[in-house]
Amino acid sequence: MSDILKVSANSKPKSLAGAIASVIRTEGIVNLHAVGAGAVNQAVKAVAIARGYVAPNGLDLICQFSFVEITIEDAERTAIKLTVEPRKRKRNAWPSE
């Protein structure tokens, strides 16, 4: 089972990106749970930043979105689940920017 990182609207994208990169390097996959538009926004920004953190290792992160039911303070809530995992990057697959 992969690690689960809980994301809030107040999460700092750079800090979250570092956590994503760390889990990817050790576990190979990570799940993020975000409830609400602000939390999803921070999660997406963090994944984009994390891609830059792991790119020097030859990794390209891919992200799959889904819904998941979670319990917060004894109440069921619907969260967005972001499953992030590496895809081996092909040499010269990215155009020059």
Protein backbone atom coordinates (compact mmCIF):
# COMPACT_ATOMS: atom_id res chain seq x y z
CA MET A 1 0.00 0.00 0.00
CA SER A 2 1.32 3.42 -0.87
CA ASP A 3 1.65 6.34 1.50
CA ILE A 4 -1.25 8.79 1.74
CA LEU A 5 -0.53 12.50 2.02
CA LYS A 6 -3.45 14.62 3.20
CA VAL A 7 -3.62 17.99 1.49
CA SER A 8 -5.41 21.10 2.75
CA ALA A 9 -6.01 24.49 1.19
CA ASN A 10 -3.25 25.79 3.48
CA SER A 11 -0.64 23.22 2.38
CA LYS A 12 2.53 24.78 1.01
CA PRO A 13 3.09 23.40 -2.53
CA LYS A 14 6.91 23.36 -2.29
CA SER A 15 6.87 21.46 1.01
CA LEU A 16 4.28 19.02 -0.31
CA ALA A 17 6.32 18.59 -3.50
CA GLY A 18 9.35 17.64 -1.42
CA ALA A 19 7.28 15.05 0.44
CA ILE A 20 5.94 13.67 -2.85
CA ALA A 21 9.45 13.39 -4.30
CA SER A 22 10.73 11.69 -1.14
CA VAL A 23 7.95 9.09 -1.11
CA ILE A 24 8.34 8.47 -4.85
CA ARG A 25 12.06 7.82 -4.39
CA THR A 26 11.51 5.40 -1.50
CA GLU A 27 8.13 3.78 -2.20
CA GLY A 28 7.64 4.36 -5.93
CA ILE A 29 4.04 5.59 -5.60
CA VAL A 30 2.11 8.06 -3.44
CA ASN A 31 -1.54 8.98 -2.99
CA LEU A 32 -2.76 12.45 -2.10
CA HIS A 33 -6.21 13.10 -0.64
CA ALA A 34 -7.69 16.57 -1.09
CA VAL A 35 -11.13 17.82 -0.03
CA GLY A 36 -12.30 21.06 -1.63
CA ALA A 37 -11.14 23.23 -4.48
CA GLY A 38 -8.37 24.95 -2.51
CA ALA A 39 -6.83 21.64 -1.44
CA VAL A 40 -7.02 20.22 -4.97
CA ASN A 41 -5.34 23.38 -6.28
CA GLN A 42 -2.44 23.00 -3.83
CA ALA A 43 -2.10 19.30 -4.65
CA VAL A 44 -1.92 19.89 -8.40
CA LYS A 45 0.69 22.64 -7.95
CA ALA A 46 2.73 20.33 -5.70
CA VAL A 47 2.70 17.52 -8.29
CA ALA A 48 3.90 19.96 -10.97
CA ILE A 49 6.75 21.12 -8.72
CA ALA A 50 7.63 17.55 -7.71
CA ARG A 51 8.08 16.65 -11.39
CA GLY A 52 11.00 19.08 -11.45
CA TYR A 53 12.45 17.59 -8.27
CA VAL A 54 12.63 14.03 -9.65
CA ALA A 55 13.44 14.85 -13.31
CA PRO A 56 17.23 14.83 -12.70
CA ASN A 57 16.81 11.18 -11.62
CA GLY A 58 15.35 10.36 -15.05
CA LEU A 59 11.79 10.14 -13.71
CA ASP A 60 8.67 11.66 -15.21
CA LEU A 61 5.72 11.74 -12.84
CA ILE A 62 2.25 10.84 -14.00
CA CYS A 63 -0.93 11.49 -12.04
CA GLN A 64 -4.26 9.72 -12.06
CA PHE A 65 -7.35 11.32 -10.46
CA SER A 66 -10.27 9.54 -8.81
CA PHE A 67 -12.87 10.02 -6.09
CA VAL A 68 -12.58 8.39 -2.69
CA GLU A 69 -14.77 8.45 0.42
CA ILE A 70 -12.86 9.42 3.56
CA THR A 71 -13.86 10.01 7.19
CA ILE A 72 -13.16 13.40 8.75
CA GLU A 73 -14.35 13.98 12.32
CA ASP A 74 -16.79 11.03 12.11
CA ALA A 75 -18.34 12.34 8.88
CA GLU A 76 -18.01 10.78 5.42
CA ARG A 77 -16.59 13.18 2.83
CA THR A 78 -15.77 12.81 -0.84
CA ALA A 79 -12.15 13.61 -1.62
CA ILE A 80 -10.16 13.79 -4.81
CA LYS A 81 -7.47 11.13 -4.79
CA LEU A 82 -4.34 11.85 -6.82
CA THR A 83 -2.22 8.77 -7.45
CA VAL A 84 1.29 9.86 -8.42
CA GLU A 85 3.90 7.48 -9.79
CA PRO A 86 6.95 7.66 -12.01
CA ARG A 87 7.13 6.70 -15.63
CA LYS A 88 10.61 6.12 -16.94
CA ARG A 89 11.44 9.00 -19.23
CA LYS A 90 12.67 8.20 -22.70
CA ARG A 91 15.87 9.92 -23.68
CA ASN A 92 15.17 13.24 -25.44
CA ALA A 93 11.43 12.75 -24.94
CA TRP A 94 10.92 16.30 -23.72
CA PRO A 95 11.32 19.15 -26.17
CA SER A 96 13.73 21.92 -25.30
CA GLU A 97 12.07 24.78 -23.45
